[in-house]
Amino acid sequence: MKDNTLLGLTKQLIALALLVLTIASCKKDNEPGKGTTAAIIDYHQTAPTKFIDVAGSAYAYRVLGDKDGIPLVMLSALGGSMDDWDPAITNGLAQKYKVIIFDNQGVGLSKGTTPDNITAMANDAANFIKALGYTKVNVMGFSMGSFISQQLVLDHPTLVNKIILTGTGPKGSEGLSNLPNLLAAAAGLSPEESLLRFAFTSSAKSIEAGKESYARTQKRTVDRDLPVNAQSGGAQLTAVLGWAQPYPNAFNELKTITQPVLIAQGQEDIPVPVINATNLYKNIPNASLITYPDAGHAAVFQYHDEFVQAATNFLSK
């Protein structure tokens, strides 16, 4: 649904959304700068950008790794394109699974117009997956990408094998409607400063992890994806705030999900408070929940070693 008040959002607010929610990666929180990355193949930096026609629009995507089996399709956060994924996550998972990252319609290098609601975004993602020739995939979403993942499994259940949800909550998530105020509070900050404020905690370890995160996502310079433009960013923000609207049937819908679901959340997530992950866990029949201490919205990047291990174990069962 679309809240009429969103029509008054300023260009400055949209720009802030793009800056703040382009989430980068970070090192392991309890041992900053000492991740176990030896012998990791760096697919993230070298995978070529490909394009595929989906209902008349060219979608940009990259395939990381060459493993057989059910692939893992990753759905990005608000304001994020392919190069805003944490390489520690994508590379870590690509060591054992074929990982597909992509720009949904109108995002980054993909053509078309970005819709302003999560349902349409989920349908676009389903069309992209089917265009690649897959009839069954695993999906992982971060923030808005996890909203899309939830809607994807509700509307296209036979397409989804397992689901990983991070930085997320159900429809009507508590606290999510405060997002415009959080973005406005970041006015005047640099992109890195906005990231640290929005996605990490105020502890020294978390701040250091966030700085490493920001630096790591800047490493790819050849064949780099385009940033999200104003139209796409504004539509995404509208979609996220639409997801935040009260939805009395949210928990009943979650109870219909039969696929295994892994939920990972920071205990100090500000835009999507951890109570929302708990509500997901309580209402999805086959769900497991991990919460990370001293971690905010980008918790899975802060604890990337632990998360990659947990996700790998989950997908391998």
Protein backbone atom coordinates (compact mmCIF):
# COMPACT_ATOMS: atom_id res chain seq x y z
CA MET A 1 0.00 0.00 0.00
CA LYS A 2 1.14 3.53 -0.58
CA ASP A 3 0.83 6.17 2.13
CA ASN A 4 -0.18 9.51 0.60
CA THR A 5 2.17 11.31 2.95
CA LEU A 6 5.07 9.85 1.02
CA LEU A 7 4.29 12.12 -1.90
CA GLY A 8 5.76 14.99 0.08
CA LEU A 9 9.17 13.42 0.61
CA THR A 10 11.93 15.75 -0.50
CA LYS A 11 14.79 15.00 -2.85
CA GLN A 12 17.13 15.49 0.08
CA LEU A 13 15.45 12.68 2.03
CA ILE A 14 15.70 10.35 -0.95
CA ALA A 15 19.37 11.22 -1.36
CA LEU A 16 19.94 10.50 2.32
CA ALA A 17 18.24 7.12 1.91
CA LEU A 18 20.62 6.23 -0.89
CA LEU A 19 23.65 7.29 1.13
CA VAL A 20 22.67 5.72 4.41
CA LEU A 21 21.22 2.45 3.20
CA THR A 22 23.96 1.55 0.75
CA ILE A 23 25.24 -0.91 3.31
CA ALA A 24 28.84 -2.09 3.12
CA SER A 25 30.61 -4.88 4.98
CA CYS A 26 32.73 -5.30 8.04
CA LYS A 27 35.07 -7.58 9.95
CA LYS A 28 34.21 -9.97 12.73
CA ASP A 29 33.12 -7.92 15.76
CA ASN A 30 34.93 -9.77 18.53
CA GLU A 31 38.19 -9.92 16.53
CA PRO A 32 38.19 -6.85 14.30
CA GLY A 33 40.51 -7.16 11.35
CA LYS A 34 41.19 -10.86 11.95
CA GLY A 35 38.70 -12.71 9.78
CA THR A 36 39.45 -16.22 8.57
CA THR A 37 39.75 -15.33 4.89
CA ALA A 38 42.87 -17.34 3.94
CA ALA A 39 42.55 -19.17 0.61
CA ILE A 40 39.20 -17.52 -0.15
CA ILE A 41 38.67 -17.13 -3.90
CA ASP A 42 37.71 -13.52 -4.60
CA TYR A 43 34.76 -14.04 -6.92
CA HIS A 44 33.20 -10.74 -5.89
CA GLN A 45 35.93 -8.63 -7.49
CA THR A 46 36.23 -10.57 -10.74
CA ALA A 47 32.77 -11.90 -11.68
CA PRO A 48 31.70 -10.25 -14.96
CA THR A 49 28.43 -8.37 -15.20
CA LYS A 50 25.90 -10.16 -17.40
CA PHE A 51 22.48 -9.12 -18.69
CA ILE A 52 19.29 -11.04 -19.33
CA ASP A 53 16.01 -9.91 -20.82
CA VAL A 54 13.12 -10.13 -18.34
CA ALA A 55 9.74 -9.11 -19.75
CA GLY A 56 11.39 -6.57 -22.05
CA SER A 57 13.84 -5.11 -19.52
CA ALA A 58 17.56 -5.94 -19.29
CA TYR A 59 18.47 -7.11 -15.78
CA ALA A 60 22.11 -6.94 -14.64
CA TYR A 61 23.50 -9.85 -12.65
CA ARG A 62 26.70 -11.66 -11.66
CA VAL A 63 27.33 -15.31 -10.91
CA LEU A 64 29.85 -15.95 -8.14
CA GLY A 65 31.36 -19.42 -8.06
CA ASP A 66 30.70 -22.46 -10.21
CA LYS A 67 29.22 -24.96 -7.78
CA ASP A 68 26.46 -27.36 -8.78
CA GLY A 69 23.17 -27.67 -6.95
CA ILE A 70 20.51 -25.15 -5.99
CA PRO A 71 21.88 -21.61 -6.35
CA LEU A 72 21.60 -18.85 -3.75
CA VAL A 73 19.96 -15.67 -5.08
CA MET A 74 20.65 -12.57 -2.98
CA LEU A 75 18.22 -9.63 -2.75
CA SER A 76 19.65 -6.21 -1.92
CA ALA A 77 18.78 -3.59 0.68
CA LEU A 78 17.17 -0.22 0.01
CA GLY A 79 19.65 1.90 -1.92
CA GLY A 80 21.93 -1.06 -2.62
CA SER A 81 23.16 -2.38 -5.96
CA MET A 82 25.45 -5.36 -6.62
CA ASP A 83 28.63 -3.70 -5.38
CA ASP A 84 27.09 -2.82 -2.03
CA TRP A 85 27.10 -6.46 -0.92
CA ASP A 86 29.80 -7.36 1.58
CA PRO A 87 32.47 -9.35 -0.27
CA ALA A 88 33.17 -11.26 2.95
CA ILE A 89 29.60 -12.59 2.72
CA THR A 90 29.35 -13.16 -1.02
CA ASN A 91 32.82 -14.69 -1.34
CA GLY A 92 32.35 -16.75 1.81
CA LEU A 93 29.12 -18.30 0.55
CA ALA A 94 30.42 -18.68 -3.01
CA GLN A 95 33.14 -21.08 -1.84
CA LYS A 96 30.46 -23.77 -1.49
CA TYR A 97 27.44 -22.48 -3.40
CA LYS A 98 26.69 -20.75 -6.67
CA VAL A 99 25.76 -17.23 -5.58
CA ILE A 100 23.77 -14.90 -7.84
CA ILE A 101 23.62 -11.18 -7.12
CA PHE A 102 21.50 -8.91 -9.30
CA ASP A 103 19.88 -5.53 -9.72
CA ASN A 104 16.09 -5.76 -9.60
CA GLN A 105 14.10 -3.73 -12.12
CA GLY A 106 15.31 -0.15 -12.50
CA VAL A 107 18.13 -0.59 -9.94
CA GLY A 108 21.79 0.07 -10.78
CA LEU A 109 22.60 -1.23 -14.26
CA SER A 110 19.18 -2.88 -14.76
CA LYS A 111 16.70 -1.18 -17.05
CA GLY A 112 13.04 -0.48 -16.45
CA THR A 113 11.21 1.40 -13.70
CA THR A 114 11.53 0.41 -10.06
CA PRO A 115 8.08 -0.28 -8.57
CA ASP A 116 7.02 1.40 -5.34
CA ASN A 117 5.74 -1.69 -3.52
CA ILE A 118 7.24 -4.91 -2.21
CA THR A 119 4.76 -7.22 -3.97
CA ALA A 120 5.75 -5.94 -7.41
CA MET A 121 9.44 -6.18 -6.49
CA ALA A 122 8.93 -9.81 -5.47
CA ASN A 123 7.21 -10.55 -8.77
CA ASP A 124 10.11 -8.92 -10.64
CA ALA A 125 12.57 -11.09 -8.71
CA ALA A 126 10.55 -14.21 -9.53
CA ASN A 127 10.54 -13.30 -13.22
CA PHE A 128 14.31 -12.81 -13.13
CA ILE A 129 14.87 -16.21 -11.49
CA LYS A 130 12.62 -17.93 -14.03
CA ALA A 131 14.34 -16.13 -16.91
CA LEU A 132 17.63 -17.69 -15.77
CA GLY A 133 15.96 -21.08 -16.14
CA TYR A 134 15.70 -22.01 -12.46
CA THR A 135 12.65 -23.73 -11.01
CA LYS A 136 14.02 -23.84 -7.45
CA VAL A 137 16.43 -21.50 -5.65
CA ASN A 138 17.57 -20.57 -2.17
CA VAL A 139 17.14 -16.88 -1.39
CA MET A 140 18.88 -14.49 0.98
CA GLY A 141 17.71 -10.96 1.65
CA PHE A 142 19.14 -8.05 3.58
CA SER A 143 16.80 -5.37 4.96
CA MET A 144 14.42 -4.47 2.11
CA GLY A 145 15.73 -7.56 0.33
CA SER A 146 14.35 -9.65 3.19
CA PHE A 147 10.95 -7.99 2.83
CA ILE A 148 11.04 -8.98 -0.84
CA SER A 149 12.16 -12.50 0.10
CA GLN A 150 9.18 -12.93 2.41
CA GLN A 151 6.75 -11.79 -0.26
CA LEU A 152 8.50 -13.97 -2.84
CA VAL A 153 7.94 -17.14 -0.84
CA LEU A 154 4.33 -16.17 -0.09
CA ASP A 155 3.48 -15.46 -3.74
CA HIS A 156 5.77 -18.01 -5.44
CA PRO A 157 6.21 -20.81 -2.88
CA THR A 158 7.26 -23.53 -5.33
CA LEU A 159 10.18 -21.39 -6.52
CA VAL A 160 11.86 -21.17 -3.10
CA ASN A 161 13.77 -23.96 -1.36
CA LYS A 162 15.26 -22.22 1.73
CA ILE A 163 15.28 -18.63 2.95
CA ILE A 164 17.81 -16.50 4.85
CA LEU A 165 16.44 -13.24 6.29
CA THR A 166 18.74 -10.57 7.74
CA GLY A 167 18.07 -7.09 9.15
CA THR A 168 14.36 -7.65 8.77
CA GLY A 169 10.87 -7.97 10.11
CA PRO A 170 7.32 -8.89 9.04
CA LYS A 171 4.80 -6.59 7.43
CA GLY A 172 3.96 -3.85 9.89
CA SER A 173 7.38 -4.12 11.56
CA GLU A 174 7.62 -2.22 14.83
CA GLY A 175 9.69 0.96 14.54
CA LEU A 176 10.15 0.80 10.77
CA SER A 177 7.82 3.73 10.13
CA ASN A 178 10.38 5.95 11.91
CA LEU A 179 12.77 5.52 8.98
CA PRO A 180 12.34 9.05 7.55
CA ASN A 181 13.35 10.56 10.89
CA LEU A 182 16.43 8.31 11.06
CA LEU A 183 17.44 9.37 7.57
CA ALA A 184 16.87 13.03 8.27
CA ALA A 185 19.08 12.77 11.36
CA ALA A 186 21.97 11.80 9.07
CA ALA A 187 21.80 15.07 7.15
CA GLY A 188 25.24 16.59 6.62
CA LEU A 189 27.15 13.38 7.29
CA SER A 190 29.46 11.77 4.77
CA PRO A 191 28.40 8.41 3.27
CA GLU A 192 30.80 6.60 5.61
CA GLU A 193 29.61 8.52 8.66
CA SER A 194 25.99 7.84 7.73
CA LEU A 195 26.73 4.14 7.39
CA LEU A 196 28.37 3.99 10.79
CA ARG A 197 25.51 5.82 12.45
CA PHE A 198 22.76 3.85 10.76
CA ALA A 199 24.09 0.30 10.58
CA PHE A 200 26.54 -0.14 13.48
CA THR A 201 26.57 0.60 17.19
CA SER A 202 28.55 3.30 19.00
CA SER A 203 31.09 0.87 20.48
CA ALA A 204 34.72 1.12 19.37
CA LYS A 205 34.68 -2.41 17.95
CA SER A 206 31.55 -1.86 15.95
CA ILE A 207 32.75 1.48 14.59
CA GLU A 208 36.06 -0.07 13.52
CA ALA A 209 34.17 -2.90 11.82
CA GLY A 210 32.02 -0.37 10.02
CA LYS A 211 35.04 1.53 8.73
CA GLU A 212 36.53 -1.69 7.40
CA SER A 213 33.15 -2.44 5.89
CA TYR A 214 32.96 0.81 4.01
CA ALA A 215 36.50 0.40 2.66
CA ARG A 216 35.91 -3.17 1.51
CA THR A 217 32.88 -2.37 -0.61
CA GLN A 218 34.89 0.25 -2.49
CA LYS A 219 37.52 -2.24 -3.70
CA ARG A 220 35.91 -3.18 -6.99
CA THR A 221 36.70 -0.47 -9.54
CA VAL A 222 36.57 -2.39 -12.85
CA ASP A 223 33.08 -3.06 -14.26
CA ARG A 224 31.55 -1.52 -11.14
CA ASP A 225 27.78 -1.28 -10.82
CA LEU A 226 25.98 2.04 -10.99
CA PRO A 227 24.61 3.63 -7.82
CA VAL A 228 20.85 3.64 -7.33
CA ASN A 229 19.30 6.68 -9.00
CA ALA A 230 16.75 9.08 -7.51
CA GLN A 231 13.69 7.45 -9.14
CA SER A 232 14.65 4.01 -7.95
CA GLY A 233 15.63 5.20 -4.48
CA GLY A 234 12.40 7.12 -4.02
CA ALA A 235 10.32 4.14 -5.15
CA GLN A 236 12.22 1.83 -2.81
CA LEU A 237 11.71 4.15 0.13
CA THR A 238 7.99 4.28 -0.63
CA ALA A 239 7.90 0.48 -0.78
CA VAL A 240 9.68 0.09 2.56
CA LEU A 241 7.37 2.57 4.27
CA GLY A 242 4.44 0.73 2.74
CA TRP A 243 5.76 -2.49 4.33
CA ALA A 244 5.87 -0.61 7.65
CA GLN A 245 2.13 0.11 7.61
CA PRO A 246 -0.01 -1.89 10.09
CA TYR A 247 -1.02 -5.25 8.63
CA PRO A 248 -3.20 -7.34 10.98
CA ASN A 249 -2.83 -10.51 8.89
CA ALA A 250 0.99 -10.50 8.90
CA PHE A 251 1.51 -13.30 11.43
CA ASN A 252 -1.15 -15.50 9.84
CA GLU A 253 0.64 -15.21 6.50
CA LEU A 254 3.95 -16.16 8.09
CA LYS A 255 2.39 -19.33 9.49
CA THR A 256 1.80 -20.54 5.91
CA ILE A 257 5.53 -20.58 5.09
CA THR A 258 6.70 -24.20 5.12
CA GLN A 259 10.28 -23.71 3.90
CA PRO A 260 13.20 -23.71 6.36
CA VAL A 261 14.08 -20.14 7.32
CA LEU A 262 17.23 -18.75 8.99
CA ILE A 263 16.82 -15.32 10.61
CA ALA A 264 19.86 -13.26 11.65
CA GLN A 265 19.58 -9.90 13.42
CA GLY A 266 21.60 -7.42 15.44
CA GLN A 267 20.43 -6.98 19.01
CA GLU A 268 20.76 -3.20 18.61
CA ASP A 269 19.25 -2.83 15.14
CA ILE A 270 17.69 0.65 15.07
CA PRO A 271 15.70 0.83 11.78
CA VAL A 272 14.26 -2.69 12.26
CA PRO A 273 14.38 -3.46 16.02
CA VAL A 274 15.20 -7.01 17.05
CA ILE A 275 11.64 -7.65 18.31
CA ASN A 276 10.68 -7.96 14.66
CA ALA A 277 13.09 -10.84 14.08
CA THR A 278 11.68 -12.49 17.19
CA ASN A 279 8.16 -12.13 15.79
CA LEU A 280 9.28 -13.76 12.55
CA TYR A 281 10.84 -16.62 14.49
CA LYS A 282 7.71 -17.18 16.58
CA ASN A 283 5.36 -17.28 13.60
CA ILE A 284 7.28 -19.11 10.85
CA PRO A 285 6.88 -22.82 11.62
CA ASN A 286 10.33 -23.99 10.49
CA ALA A 287 12.50 -21.04 11.52
CA SER A 288 15.71 -20.59 13.48
CA LEU A 289 17.00 -17.31 14.91
CA ILE A 290 20.49 -15.89 15.54
CA THR A 291 20.95 -12.54 17.29
CA TYR A 292 24.32 -10.81 17.48
CA PRO A 293 25.34 -8.67 20.50
CA ASP A 294 26.67 -5.13 20.12
CA ALA A 295 25.50 -5.17 16.51
CA GLY A 296 23.12 -3.01 14.53
CA HIS A 297 21.41 -3.23 11.16
CA ALA A 298 24.53 -4.63 9.43
CA ALA A 299 25.03 -7.35 12.05
CA VAL A 300 25.71 -10.13 9.55
CA PHE A 301 28.55 -8.09 8.06
CA GLN A 302 29.96 -7.30 11.48
CA TYR A 303 29.95 -11.02 12.34
CA HIS A 304 30.63 -12.21 8.81
CA ASP A 305 32.71 -15.28 9.71
CA GLU A 306 30.11 -16.57 12.14
CA PHE A 307 27.27 -15.74 9.78
CA VAL A 308 28.82 -17.42 6.74
CA GLN A 309 29.39 -20.57 8.81
CA ALA A 310 25.81 -20.52 10.10
CA ALA A 311 24.38 -19.88 6.62
CA THR A 312 26.53 -22.63 5.10
CA ASN A 313 25.38 -25.11 7.75
CA PHE A 314 21.77 -24.08 7.19
CA LEU A 315 21.95 -24.47 3.41
CA SER A 316 23.75 -27.81 3.62
CA LYS A 317 21.15 -29.57 5.80
